[in-house]
PDB file of N, CA and C in Angstrom:
ATOM      1  N   MET A   1     108.441  77.683  93.957  1.00  0.00           N
ATOM      2  CA  MET A   1     109.544  78.379  93.325  1.00  0.00           C
ATOM      3  C   MET A   1     109.700  79.742  94.009  1.00  0.00           C
ATOM      4  N   ARG A   2     110.920  80.284  93.867  1.00  0.00           N
ATOM      5  CA  ARG A   2     111.243  81.586  94.445  1.00  0.00           C
ATOM      6  C   ARG A   2     111.621  82.553  93.326  1.00  0.00           C
ATOM      7  N   PHE A   3     111.041  83.747  93.365  1.00  0.00           N
ATOM      8  CA  PHE A   3     111.272  84.757  92.346  1.00  0.00           C
ATOM      9  C   PHE A   3     111.517  86.107  92.995  1.00  0.00           C
ATOM     10  N   VAL A   4     112.514  86.827  92.502  1.00  0.00           N
ATOM     11  CA  VAL A   4     112.740  88.209  92.899  1.00  0.00           C
ATOM     12  C   VAL A   4     112.599  89.061  91.643  1.00  0.00           C
ATOM     13  N   CYS A   5     111.868  90.165  91.765  1.00  0.00           N
ATOM     14  CA  CYS A   5     111.561  90.998  90.604  1.00  0.00           C
ATOM     15  C   CYS A   5     112.399  92.273  90.607  1.00  0.00           C
ATOM     16  N   ASP A   6     113.011  92.543  89.477  1.00  0.00           N
ATOM     17  CA  ASP A   6     113.822  93.736  89.258  1.00  0.00           C
ATOM     18  C   ASP A   6     112.970  94.991  89.466  1.00  0.00           C
ATOM     19  N   HIS A   7     113.657  96.129  89.582  1.00  0.00           N
ATOM     20  CA  HIS A   7     113.000  97.423  89.783  1.00  0.00           C
ATOM     21  C   HIS A   7     111.947  97.725  88.718  1.00  0.00           C
ATOM     22  N   ASN A   8     112.172  97.258  87.500  1.00  0.00           N
ATOM     23  CA  ASN A   8     111.299  97.621  86.382  1.00  0.00           C
ATOM     24  C   ASN A   8     110.110  96.676  86.203  1.00  0.00           C
ATOM     25  N   VAL A   9     109.933  95.759  87.116  1.00  0.00           N
ATOM     26  CA  VAL A   9     108.821  94.802  87.040  1.00  0.00           C
ATOM     27  C   VAL A   9     107.705  95.256  87.980  1.00  0.00           C
ATOM     28  N   ASP A  10     106.514  95.352  87.451  1.00  0.00           N
ATOM     29  CA  ASP A  10     105.361  95.819  88.215  1.00  0.00           C
ATOM     30  C   ASP A  10     105.044  94.858  89.356  1.00  0.00           C
ATOM     31  N   VAL A  11     104.596  95.406  90.457  1.00  0.00           N
ATOM     32  CA  VAL A  11     104.245  94.604  91.631  1.00  0.00           C
ATOM     33  C   VAL A  11     103.106  93.626  91.319  1.00  0.00           C
ATOM     34  N   ALA A  12     102.349  93.845  90.255  1.00  0.00           N
ATOM     35  CA  ALA A  12     101.301  92.897  89.854  1.00  0.00           C
ATOM     36  C   ALA A  12     101.895  91.535  89.527  1.00  0.00           C
ATOM     37  N   VAL A  13     103.134  91.493  89.039  1.00  0.00           N
ATOM     38  CA  VAL A  13     103.811  90.223  88.759  1.00  0.00           C
ATOM     39  C   VAL A  13     104.078  89.493  90.071  1.00  0.00           C
ATOM     40  N   VAL A  14     104.543  90.214  91.071  1.00  0.00           N
ATOM     41  CA  VAL A  14     104.782  89.629  92.394  1.00  0.00           C
ATOM     42  C   VAL A  14     103.476  89.046  92.934  1.00  0.00           C
ATOM     43  N   ARG A  15     102.415  89.828  92.873  1.00  0.00           N
ATOM     44  CA  ARG A  15     101.113  89.354  93.381  1.00  0.00           C
ATOM     45  C   ARG A  15     100.626  88.122  92.624  1.00  0.00           C
ATOM     46  N   ALA A  16     100.787  88.129  91.303  1.00  0.00           N
ATOM     47  CA  ALA A  16     100.339  86.992  90.490  1.00  0.00           C
ATOM     48  C   ALA A  16     101.093  85.723  90.869  1.00  0.00           C
ATOM     49  N   LEU A  17     102.394  85.834  91.044  1.00  0.00           N
ATOM     50  CA  LEU A  17     103.193  84.662  91.426  1.00  0.00           C
ATOM     51  C   LEU A  17     102.817  84.163  92.820  1.00  0.00           C
ATOM     52  N   MET A  18     102.574  85.088  93.735  1.00  0.00           N
ATOM     53  CA  MET A  18     102.183  84.688  95.090  1.00  0.00           C
ATOM     54  C   MET A  18     100.814  84.006  95.087  1.00  0.00           C
ATOM     55  N   GLN A  19      99.901  84.475  94.251  1.00  0.00           N
ATOM     56  CA  GLN A  19      98.579  83.849  94.169  1.00  0.00           C
ATOM     57  C   GLN A  19      98.672  82.423  93.637  1.00  0.00           C
ATOM     58  N   LEU A  20      99.721  82.145  92.870  1.00  0.00           N
ATOM     59  CA  LEU A  20      99.927  80.791  92.353  1.00  0.00           C
ATOM     60  C   LEU A  20     100.697  79.910  93.342  1.00  0.00           C
ATOM     61  N   GLY A  21     101.033  80.467  94.507  1.00  0.00           N
ATOM     62  CA  GLY A  21     101.696  79.687  95.547  1.00  0.00           C
ATOM     63  C   GLY A  21     103.213  79.782  95.555  1.00  0.00           C
ATOM     64  N   HIS A  22     103.768  80.679  94.764  1.00  0.00           N
ATOM     65  CA  HIS A  22     105.217  80.858  94.722  1.00  0.00           C
ATOM     66  C   HIS A  22     105.635  81.932  95.719  1.00  0.00           C
ATOM     67  N   HIS A  23     106.881  81.902  96.105  1.00  0.00           N
ATOM     68  CA  HIS A  23     107.445  82.943  96.956  1.00  0.00           C
ATOM     69  C   HIS A  23     108.027  83.994  96.014  1.00  0.00           C
ATOM     70  N   ALA A  24     107.542  85.224  96.099  1.00  0.00           N
ATOM     71  CA  ALA A  24     107.999  86.283  95.199  1.00  0.00           C
ATOM     72  C   ALA A  24     108.069  87.604  95.957  1.00  0.00           C
ATOM     73  N   TRP A  25     109.045  88.430  95.576  1.00  0.00           N
ATOM     74  CA  TRP A  25     109.192  89.733  96.200  1.00  0.00           C
ATOM     75  C   TRP A  25     109.935  90.673  95.254  1.00  0.00           C
ATOM     76  N   PRO A  26     109.709  91.980  95.401  1.00  0.00           N
ATOM     77  CA  PRO A  26     110.456  92.954  94.596  1.00  0.00           C
ATOM     78  C   PRO A  26     111.814  93.236  95.249  1.00  0.00           C
ATOM     79  N   VAL A  27     112.797  93.597  94.453  1.00  0.00           N
ATOM     80  CA  VAL A  27     114.117  93.906  95.026  1.00  0.00           C
ATOM     81  C   VAL A  27     114.041  95.091  95.978  1.00  0.00           C
ATOM     82  N   SER A  28     113.060  95.952  95.788  1.00  0.00           N
ATOM     83  CA  SER A  28     112.923  97.102  96.685  1.00  0.00           C
ATOM     84  C   SER A  28     112.646  96.673  98.125  1.00  0.00           C
ATOM     85  N   SER A  29     111.996  95.527  98.311  1.00  0.00           N
ATOM     86  CA  SER A  29     111.734  95.064  99.672  1.00  0.00           C
ATOM     87  C   SER A  29     113.017  94.630 100.376  1.00  0.00           C
ATOM     88  N   ALA A  30     114.066  94.390  99.598  1.00  0.00           N
ATOM     89  CA  ALA A  30     115.370  94.057 100.170  1.00  0.00           C
ATOM     90  C   ALA A  30     116.243  95.305 100.283  1.00  0.00           C
ATOM     91  N   ARG A  31     115.645  96.459  99.998  1.00  0.00           N
ATOM     92  CA  ARG A  31     116.333  97.755 100.064  1.00  0.00           C
ATOM     93  C   ARG A  31     117.514  97.840  99.100  1.00  0.00           C
ATOM     94  N   LEU A  32     117.339  97.244  97.952  1.00  0.00           N
ATOM     95  CA  LEU A  32     118.377  97.263  96.913  1.00  0.00           C
ATOM     96  C   LEU A  32     118.050  98.336  95.873  1.00  0.00           C
ATOM     97  N   TYR A  33     117.722  99.509  96.339  1.00  0.00           N
ATOM     98  CA  TYR A  33     117.265 100.594  95.470  1.00  0.00           C
ATOM     99  C   TYR A  33     118.281 100.990  94.415  1.00  0.00           C
ATOM    100  N   ALA A  34     119.558 101.003  94.762  1.00  0.00           N
ATOM    101  CA  ALA A  34     120.591 101.470  93.835  1.00  0.00           C
ATOM    102  C   ALA A  34     121.470 100.326  93.326  1.00  0.00           C
ATOM    103  N   ALA A  35     121.048  99.098  93.554  1.00  0.00           N
ATOM    104  CA  ALA A  35     121.865  97.941  93.164  1.00  0.00           C
ATOM    105  C   ALA A  35     121.962  97.830  91.651  1.00  0.00           C
ATOM    106  N   GLY A  36     123.147  97.495  91.181  1.00  0.00           N
ATOM    107  CA  GLY A  36     123.366  97.272  89.763  1.00  0.00           C
ATOM    108  C   GLY A  36     122.932  95.877  89.353  1.00  0.00           C
ATOM    109  N   ASP A  37     122.963  95.646  88.049  1.00  0.00           N
ATOM    110  CA  ASP A  37     122.515  94.357  87.505  1.00  0.00           C
ATOM    111  C   ASP A  37     123.265  93.168  88.100  1.00  0.00           C
ATOM    112  N   ASP A  38     124.575  93.266  88.162  1.00  0.00           N
ATOM    113  CA  ASP A  38     125.352  92.139  88.684  1.00  0.00           C
ATOM    114  C   ASP A  38     125.064  91.897  90.165  1.00  0.00           C
ATOM    115  N   ASP A  39     124.851  92.979  90.911  1.00  0.00           N
ATOM    116  CA  ASP A  39     124.491  92.835  92.322  1.00  0.00           C
ATOM    117  C   ASP A  39     123.139  92.139  92.480  1.00  0.00           C
ATOM    118  N   LEU A  40     122.215  92.449  91.588  1.00  0.00           N
ATOM    119  CA  LEU A  40     120.903  91.794  91.639  1.00  0.00           C
ATOM    120  C   LEU A  40     121.021  90.306  91.314  1.00  0.00           C
ATOM    121  N   THR A  41     121.896  89.985  90.372  1.00  0.00           N
ATOM    122  CA  THR A  41     122.134  88.578  90.031  1.00  0.00           C
ATOM    123  C   THR A  41     122.670  87.821  91.245  1.00  0.00           C
ATOM    124  N   VAL A  42     123.633  88.401  91.922  1.00  0.00           N
ATOM    125  CA  VAL A  42     124.220  87.774  93.110  1.00  0.00           C
ATOM    126  C   VAL A  42     123.172  87.646  94.216  1.00  0.00           C
ATOM    127  N   TYR A  43     122.402  88.700  94.423  1.00  0.00           N
ATOM    128  CA  TYR A  43     121.345  88.661  95.441  1.00  0.00           C
ATOM    129  C   TYR A  43     120.371  87.516  95.163  1.00  0.00           C
ATOM    130  N   ALA A  44     119.917  87.416  93.930  1.00  0.00           N
ATOM    131  CA  ALA A  44     118.971  86.358  93.572  1.00  0.00           C
ATOM    132  C   ALA A  44     119.581  84.981  93.814  1.00  0.00           C
ATOM    133  N   GLN A  45     120.835  84.803  93.396  1.00  0.00           N
ATOM    134  CA  GLN A  45     121.505  83.512  93.619  1.00  0.00           C
ATOM    135  C   GLN A  45     121.602  83.204  95.104  1.00  0.00           C
ATOM    136  N   ASP A  46     122.011  84.186  95.889  1.00  0.00           N
ATOM    137  CA  ASP A  46     122.156  83.987  97.338  1.00  0.00           C
ATOM    138  C   ASP A  46     120.841  83.614  98.005  1.00  0.00           C
ATOM    139  N   HIS A  47     119.725  83.992  97.387  1.00  0.00           N
ATOM    140  CA  HIS A  47     118.407  83.703  97.946  1.00  0.00           C
ATOM    141  C   HIS A  47     117.673  82.598  97.182  1.00  0.00           C
ATOM    142  N   ASP A  48     118.425  81.845  96.380  1.00  0.00           N
ATOM    143  CA  ASP A  48     117.861  80.723  95.609  1.00  0.00           C
ATOM    144  C   ASP A  48     116.594  81.132  94.863  1.00  0.00           C
ATOM    145  N   ALA A  49     116.679  82.287  94.210  1.00  0.00           N
ATOM    146  CA  ALA A  49     115.528  82.814  93.482  1.00  0.00           C
ATOM    147  C   ALA A  49     115.893  83.087  92.034  1.00  0.00           C
ATOM    148  N   ALA A  50     114.898  82.988  91.170  1.00  0.00           N
ATOM    149  CA  ALA A  50     115.060  83.403  89.778  1.00  0.00           C
ATOM    150  C   ALA A  50     114.785  84.899  89.724  1.00  0.00           C
ATOM    151  N   LEU A  51     115.633  85.624  89.026  1.00  0.00           N
ATOM    152  CA  LEU A  51     115.482  87.071  88.874  1.00  0.00           C
ATOM    153  C   LEU A  51     114.650  87.364  87.632  1.00  0.00           C
ATOM    154  N   ILE A  52     113.580  88.119  87.795  1.00  0.00           N
ATOM    155  CA  ILE A  52     112.694  88.491  86.689  1.00  0.00           C
ATOM    156  C   ILE A  52     112.929  89.955  86.344  1.00  0.00           C
ATOM    157  N   THR A  53     113.070  90.254  85.052  1.00  0.00           N
ATOM    158  CA  THR A  53     113.308  91.625  84.617  1.00  0.00           C
ATOM    159  C   THR A  53     112.664  91.892  83.257  1.00  0.00           C
ATOM    160  N   HIS A  54     112.518  93.166  82.947  1.00  0.00           N
ATOM    161  CA  HIS A  54     112.113  93.610  81.615  1.00  0.00           C
ATOM    162  C   HIS A  54     113.313  94.200  80.862  1.00  0.00           C
ATOM    163  N   ASP A  55     114.445  94.303  81.504  1.00  0.00           N
ATOM    164  CA  ASP A  55     115.624  94.998  80.979  1.00  0.00           C
ATOM    165  C   ASP A  55     116.285  94.195  79.858  1.00  0.00           C
ATOM    166  N   ARG A  56     116.128  94.668  78.630  1.00  0.00           N
ATOM    167  CA  ARG A  56     116.671  93.975  77.450  1.00  0.00           C
ATOM    168  C   ARG A  56     118.208  93.883  77.498  1.00  0.00           C
ATOM    169  N   GLU A  57     118.870  94.991  77.786  1.00  0.00           N
ATOM    170  CA  GLU A  57     120.334  95.013  77.783  1.00  0.00           C
ATOM    171  C   GLU A  57     120.888  94.057  78.849  1.00  0.00           C
ATOM    172  N   PHE A  58     120.348  94.130  80.040  1.00  0.00           N
ATOM    173  CA  PHE A  58     120.738  93.233  81.122  1.00  0.00           C
ATOM    174  C   PHE A  58     120.521  91.784  80.702  1.00  0.00           C
ATOM    175  N   SER A  59     119.385  91.509  80.115  1.00  0.00           N
ATOM    176  CA  SER A  59     119.046  90.148  79.709  1.00  0.00           C
ATOM    177  C   SER A  59     119.947  89.626  78.603  1.00  0.00           C
ATOM    178  N   GLU A  60     120.288  90.474  77.657  1.00  0.00           N
ATOM    179  CA  GLU A  60     121.198  90.042  76.582  1.00  0.00           C
ATOM    180  C   GLU A  60     122.590  89.727  77.137  1.00  0.00           C
ATOM    181  N   ARG A  61     123.059  90.539  78.081  1.00  0.00           N
ATOM    182  CA  ARG A  61     124.356  90.242  78.716  1.00  0.00           C
ATOM    183  C   ARG A  61     124.284  88.924  79.482  1.00  0.00           C
ATOM    184  N   ARG A  62     123.192  88.715  80.196  1.00  0.00           N
ATOM    185  CA  ARG A  62     123.068  87.490  80.994  1.00  0.00           C
ATOM    186  C   ARG A  62     122.893  86.276  80.098  1.00  0.00           C
ATOM    187  N   ARG A  63     122.285  86.432  78.917  1.00  0.00           N
ATOM    188  CA  ARG A  63     122.160  85.310  77.977  1.00  0.00           C
ATOM    189  C   ARG A  63     123.527  84.859  77.505  1.00  0.00           C
ATOM    190  N   LYS A  64     124.431  85.800  77.314  1.00  0.00           N
ATOM    191  CA  LYS A  64     125.781  85.466  76.844  1.00  0.00           C
ATOM    192  C   LYS A  64     126.650  84.905  77.957  1.00  0.00           C
ATOM    193  N   ALA A  65     126.336  85.234  79.180  1.00  0.00           N
ATOM    194  CA  ALA A  65     127.086  84.746  80.342  1.00  0.00           C
ATOM    195  C   ALA A  65     126.055  84.288  81.372  1.00  0.00           C
ATOM    196  N   VAL A  66     125.567  83.069  81.200  1.00  0.00           N
ATOM    197  CA  VAL A  66     124.487  82.561  82.040  1.00  0.00           C
ATOM    198  C   VAL A  66     125.011  82.311  83.449  1.00  0.00           C
ATOM    199  N   ILE A  67     124.499  83.127  84.354  1.00  0.00           N
ATOM    200  CA  ILE A  67     124.856  83.023  85.771  1.00  0.00           C
ATOM    201  C   ILE A  67     123.564  83.160  86.556  1.00  0.00           C
ATOM    202  N   GLY A  68     123.263  82.187  87.383  1.00  0.00           N
ATOM    203  CA  GLY A  68     122.021  82.231  88.138  1.00  0.00           C
ATOM    204  C   GLY A  68     120.831  81.962  87.230  1.00  0.00           C
ATOM    205  N   GLN A  69     119.673  82.194  87.761  1.00  0.00           N
ATOM    206  CA  GLN A  69     118.439  82.002  87.000  1.00  0.00           C
ATOM    207  C   GLN A  69     117.875  83.369  86.652  1.00  0.00           C
ATOM    208  N   HIS A  70     117.797  83.627  85.371  1.00  0.00           N
ATOM    209  CA  HIS A  70     117.413  84.940  84.864  1.00  0.00           C
ATOM    210  C   HIS A  70     116.218  84.782  83.930  1.00  0.00           C
ATOM    211  N   ILE A  71     115.149  85.518  84.200  1.00  0.00           N
ATOM    212  CA  ILE A  71     113.957  85.473  83.353  1.00  0.00           C
ATOM    213  C   ILE A  71     113.723  86.854  82.768  1.00  0.00           C
ATOM    214  N   TRP A  72     113.755  86.929  81.453  1.00  0.00           N
ATOM    215  CA  TRP A  72     113.476  88.174  80.748  1.00  0.00           C
ATOM    216  C   TRP A  72     112.035  88.145  80.273  1.00  0.00           C
ATOM    217  N   LEU A  73     111.212  89.014  80.824  1.00  0.00           N
ATOM    218  CA  LEU A  73     109.837  89.172  80.364  1.00  0.00           C
ATOM    219  C   LEU A  73     109.862  90.163  79.206  1.00  0.00           C
ATOM    220  N   ASP A  74     109.862  89.648  78.008  1.00  0.00           N
ATOM    221  CA  ASP A  74     109.907  90.474  76.805  1.00  0.00           C
ATOM    222  C   ASP A  74     108.480  90.791  76.374  1.00  0.00           C
ATOM    223  N   CYS A  75     107.847  91.654  77.169  1.00  0.00           N
ATOM    224  CA  CYS A  75     106.463  92.036  76.915  1.00  0.00           C
ATOM    225  C   CYS A  75     106.234  93.422  77.498  1.00  0.00           C
ATOM    226  N   ARG A  76     105.076  93.977  77.227  1.00  0.00           N
ATOM    227  CA  ARG A  76     104.733  95.260  77.831  1.00  0.00           C
ATOM    228  C   ARG A  76     104.540  95.052  79.328  1.00  0.00           C
ATOM    229  N   LYS A  77     104.941  96.031  80.107  1.00  0.00           N
ATOM    230  CA  LYS A  77     104.877  95.893  81.563  1.00  0.00           C
ATOM    231  C   LYS A  77     103.469  95.601  82.050  1.00  0.00           C
ATOM    232  N   TRP A  78     102.454  96.190  81.412  1.00  0.00           N
ATOM    233  CA  TRP A  78     101.082  95.984  81.873  1.00  0.00           C
ATOM    234  C   TRP A  78     100.541  94.608  81.493  1.00  0.00           C
ATOM    235  N   ASP A  79     101.256  93.880  80.617  1.00  0.00           N
ATOM    236  CA  ASP A  79     100.874  92.514  80.263  1.00  0.00           C
ATOM    237  C   ASP A  79     101.653  91.459  81.058  1.00  0.00           C
ATOM    238  N   ALA A  80     102.643  91.892  81.803  1.00  0.00           N
ATOM    239  CA  ALA A  80     103.604  90.971  82.419  1.00  0.00           C
ATOM    240  C   ALA A  80     102.967  89.980  83.388  1.00  0.00           C
ATOM    241  N   ALA A  81     102.031  90.426  84.210  1.00  0.00           N
ATOM    242  CA  ALA A  81     101.412  89.511  85.180  1.00  0.00           C
ATOM    243  C   ALA A  81     100.687  88.380  84.464  1.00  0.00           C
ATOM    244  N   GLU A  82      99.988  88.705  83.404  1.00  0.00           N
ATOM    245  CA  GLU A  82      99.281  87.675  82.637  1.00  0.00           C
ATOM    246  C   GLU A  82     100.261  86.746  81.932  1.00  0.00           C
ATOM    247  N   VAL A  83     101.316  87.321  81.365  1.00  0.00           N
ATOM    248  CA  VAL A  83     102.312  86.509  80.650  1.00  0.00           C
ATOM    249  C   VAL A  83     102.999  85.533  81.598  1.00  0.00           C
ATOM    250  N   ILE A  84     103.427  85.998  82.758  1.00  0.00           N
ATOM    251  CA  ILE A  84     104.116  85.104  83.695  1.00  0.00           C
ATOM    252  C   ILE A  84     103.143  84.068  84.253  1.00  0.00           C
ATOM    253  N   THR A  85     101.906  84.459  84.505  1.00  0.00           N
ATOM    254  CA  THR A  85     100.902  83.507  85.001  1.00  0.00           C
ATOM    255  C   THR A  85     100.683  82.380  83.997  1.00  0.00           C
ATOM    256  N   ASP A  86     100.625  82.732  82.727  1.00  0.00           N
ATOM    257  CA  ASP A  86     100.412  81.729  81.679  1.00  0.00           C
ATOM    258  C   ASP A  86     101.596  80.781  81.502  1.00  0.00           C
ATOM    259  N   GLN A  87     102.807  81.232  81.842  1.00  0.00           N
ATOM    260  CA  GLN A  87     104.004  80.453  81.518  1.00  0.00           C
ATOM    261  C   GLN A  87     104.758  79.876  82.717  1.00  0.00           C
ATOM    262  N   VAL A  88     104.446  80.289  83.921  1.00  0.00           N
ATOM    263  CA  VAL A  88     105.253  79.881  85.069  1.00  0.00           C
ATOM    264  C   VAL A  88     105.257  78.364  85.271  1.00  0.00           C
ATOM    265  N   GLU A  89     104.159  77.697  85.041  1.00  0.00           N
ATOM    266  CA  GLU A  89     104.140  76.249  85.231  1.00  0.00           C
ATOM    267  C   GLU A  89     104.914  75.524  84.133  1.00  0.00           C
ATOM    268  N   VAL A  90     105.062  76.164  82.979  1.00  0.00           N
ATOM    269  CA  VAL A  90     105.866  75.595  81.890  1.00  0.00           C
ATOM    270  C   VAL A  90     107.348  75.701  82.224  1.00  0.00           C
ATOM    271  N   ILE A  91     107.753  76.837  82.799  1.00  0.00           N
ATOM    272  CA  ILE A  91     109.184  77.034  83.079  1.00  0.00           C
ATOM    273  C   ILE A  91     109.626  76.455  84.422  1.00  0.00           C
ATOM    274  N   ALA A  92     108.687  76.177  85.316  1.00  0.00           N
ATOM    275  CA  ALA A  92     109.039  75.679  86.653  1.00  0.00           C
ATOM    276  C   ALA A  92     109.901  74.413  86.612  1.00  0.00           C
ATOM    277  N   PRO A  93     109.583  73.396  85.811  1.00  0.00           N
ATOM    278  CA  PRO A  93     110.429  72.204  85.793  1.00  0.00           C
ATOM    279  C   PRO A  93     111.853  72.494  85.290  1.00  0.00           C
ATOM    280  N   VAL A  94     111.973  73.438  84.374  1.00  0.00           N
ATOM    281  CA  VAL A  94     113.292  73.795  83.858  1.00  0.00           C
ATOM    282  C   VAL A  94     114.081  74.548  84.929  1.00  0.00           C
ATOM    283  N   LEU A  95     113.412  75.445  85.645  1.00  0.00           N
ATOM    284  CA  LEU A  95     114.075  76.153  86.743  1.00  0.00           C
ATOM    285  C   LEU A  95     114.528  75.177  87.822  1.00  0.00           C
ATOM    286  N   ALA A  96     113.736  74.157  88.083  1.00  0.00           N
ATOM    287  CA  ALA A  96     114.102  73.161  89.095  1.00  0.00           C
ATOM    288  C   ALA A  96     115.315  72.336  88.664  1.00  0.00           C
ATOM    289  N   ARG A  97     115.524  72.227  87.371  1.00  0.00           N
ATOM    290  CA  ARG A  97     116.595  71.378  86.858  1.00  0.00           C
ATOM    291  C   ARG A  97     117.952  72.080  86.751  1.00  0.00           C
ATOM    292  N   TYR A  98     117.947  73.373  86.391  1.00  0.00           N
ATOM    293  CA  TYR A  98     119.195  74.098  86.125  1.00  0.00           C
ATOM    294  C   TYR A  98     119.409  75.234  87.115  1.00  0.00           C
ATOM    295  N   ARG A  99     120.577  75.245  87.734  1.00  0.00           N
ATOM    296  CA  ARG A  99     120.928  76.339  88.649  1.00  0.00           C
ATOM    297  C   ARG A  99     121.283  77.601  87.869  1.00  0.00           C
ATOM    298  N   ASP A 100     121.915  77.444  86.734  1.00  0.00           N
ATOM    299  CA  ASP A 100     122.282  78.565  85.860  1.00  0.00           C
ATOM    300  C   ASP A 100     121.446  78.446  84.594  1.00  0.00           C
ATOM    301  N   LEU A 101     120.547  79.408  84.396  1.00  0.00           N
ATOM    302  CA  LEU A 101     119.586  79.313  83.313  1.00  0.00           C
ATOM    303  C   LEU A 101     119.112  80.699  82.915  1.00  0.00           C
ATOM    304  N   TRP A 102     118.990  80.931  81.623  1.00  0.00           N
ATOM    305  CA  TRP A 102     118.432  82.166  81.071  1.00  0.00           C
ATOM    306  C   TRP A 102     117.164  81.796  80.326  1.00  0.00           C
ATOM    307  N   ILE A 103     116.085  82.532  80.603  1.00  0.00           N
ATOM    308  CA  ILE A 103     114.804  82.275  79.957  1.00  0.00           C
ATOM    309  C   ILE A 103     114.246  83.593  79.424  1.00  0.00           C
ATOM    310  N   LYS A 104     113.781  83.560  78.192  1.00  0.00           N
ATOM    311  CA  LYS A 104     113.064  84.693  77.609  1.00  0.00           C
ATOM    312  C   LYS A 104     111.619  84.252  77.407  1.00  0.00           C
ATOM    313  N   ILE A 105     110.700  85.032  77.968  1.00  0.00           N
ATOM    314  CA  ILE A 105     109.281  84.738  77.822  1.00  0.00           C
ATOM    315  C   ILE A 105     108.628  85.886  77.065  1.00  0.00           C
ATOM    316  N   SER A 106     107.953  85.546  75.991  1.00  0.00           N
ATOM    317  CA  SER A 106     107.233  86.522  75.180  1.00  0.00           C
ATOM    318  C   SER A 106     105.741  86.267  75.296  1.00  0.00           C
ATOM    319  N   PRO A 107     104.926  87.284  75.027  1.00  0.00           N
ATOM    320  CA  PRO A 107     103.480  87.128  75.213  1.00  0.00           C
ATOM    321  C   PRO A 107     102.812  86.128  74.282  1.00  0.00           C
ATOM    322  N   ASN A 108     103.436  85.758  73.200  1.00  0.00           N
ATOM    323  CA  ASN A 108     102.852  84.785  72.277  1.00  0.00           C
ATOM    324  C   ASN A 108     103.162  83.352  72.695  1.00  0.00           C
ATOM    325  N   ALA A 109     103.496  83.163  73.970  1.00  0.00           N
ATOM    326  CA  ALA A 109     103.828  81.860  74.550  1.00  0.00           C
ATOM    327  C   ALA A 109     105.153  81.313  74.045  1.00  0.00           C
ATOM    328  N   GLU A 110     105.951  82.173  73.461  1.00  0.00           N
ATOM    329  CA  GLU A 110     107.285  81.766  73.018  1.00  0.00           C
ATOM    330  C   GLU A 110     108.242  81.816  74.206  1.00  0.00           C
ATOM    331  N   ILE A 111     108.953  80.718  74.391  1.00  0.00           N
ATOM    332  CA  ILE A 111     109.942  80.625  75.460  1.00  0.00           C
ATOM    333  C   ILE A 111     111.264  80.202  74.839  1.00  0.00           C
ATOM    334  N   LYS A 112     112.318  80.948  75.150  1.00  0.00           N
ATOM    335  CA  LYS A 112     113.671  80.584  74.711  1.00  0.00           C
ATOM    336  C   LYS A 112     114.504  80.321  75.936  1.00  0.00           C
ATOM    337  N   LEU A 113     115.390  79.342  75.846  1.00  0.00           N
ATOM    338  CA  LEU A 113     116.221  78.947  76.976  1.00  0.00           C
ATOM    339  C   LEU A 113     117.695  78.926  76.601  1.00  0.00           C
ATOM    340  N   SER A 114     118.534  79.191  77.577  1.00  0.00           N
ATOM    341  CA  SER A 114     119.968  78.983  77.421  1.00  0.00           C
ATOM    342  C   SER A 114     120.509  78.625  78.797  1.00  0.00           C
ATOM    343  N   TYR A 115     121.347  77.631  78.864  1.00  0.00           N
ATOM    344  CA  TYR A 115     121.931  77.243  80.135  1.00  0.00           C
ATOM    345  C   TYR A 115     123.442  77.057  80.025  1.00  0.00           C
ATOM    346  N   ARG A 116     124.016  77.748  79.057  1.00  0.00           N
ATOM    347  CA  ARG A 116     125.471  77.702  78.901  1.00  0.00           C
ATOM    348  C   ARG A 116     125.961  79.061  78.410  1.00  0.00           C
ATOM    349  N   TRP A 117     127.237  79.273  78.504  1.00  0.00           N
ATOM    350  CA  TRP A 117     127.845  80.503  78.025  1.00  0.00           C
ATOM    351  C   TRP A 117     127.970  80.458  76.513  1.00  0.00           C
ATOM    352  N   ASP A 118     127.620  81.553  75.838  1.00  0.00           N
ATOM    353  CA  ASP A 118     127.802  81.638  74.396  1.00  0.00           C
ATOM    354  C   ASP A 118     129.135  82.276  74.052  1.00  0.00           C
TER     355      ASP A 118
END
């Protein structure tokens, strides 16, 4: 799987995903320092990657208008690497199935999905 991490996602998430054999990188490595949310969505789609973020407002907008693959890590930033490590194999088959998908992952192993516009 391919994952790109928003500015607010700790590099430990990138490392954790790479250790599991996934291709992952922070948006900063693409020099998207000032890119807005919609630009990040387009970038992720263009690179066949799921976009991972902690941004609640961005995630709520994307849940209502599902475009691309969007993963909201609804957890503390310092817990994010563990949370994604615990759940990535659960969400991988769903990511493989849907090109447009919104996923919310919480630390209590709760996963919510949406693949249509509300």
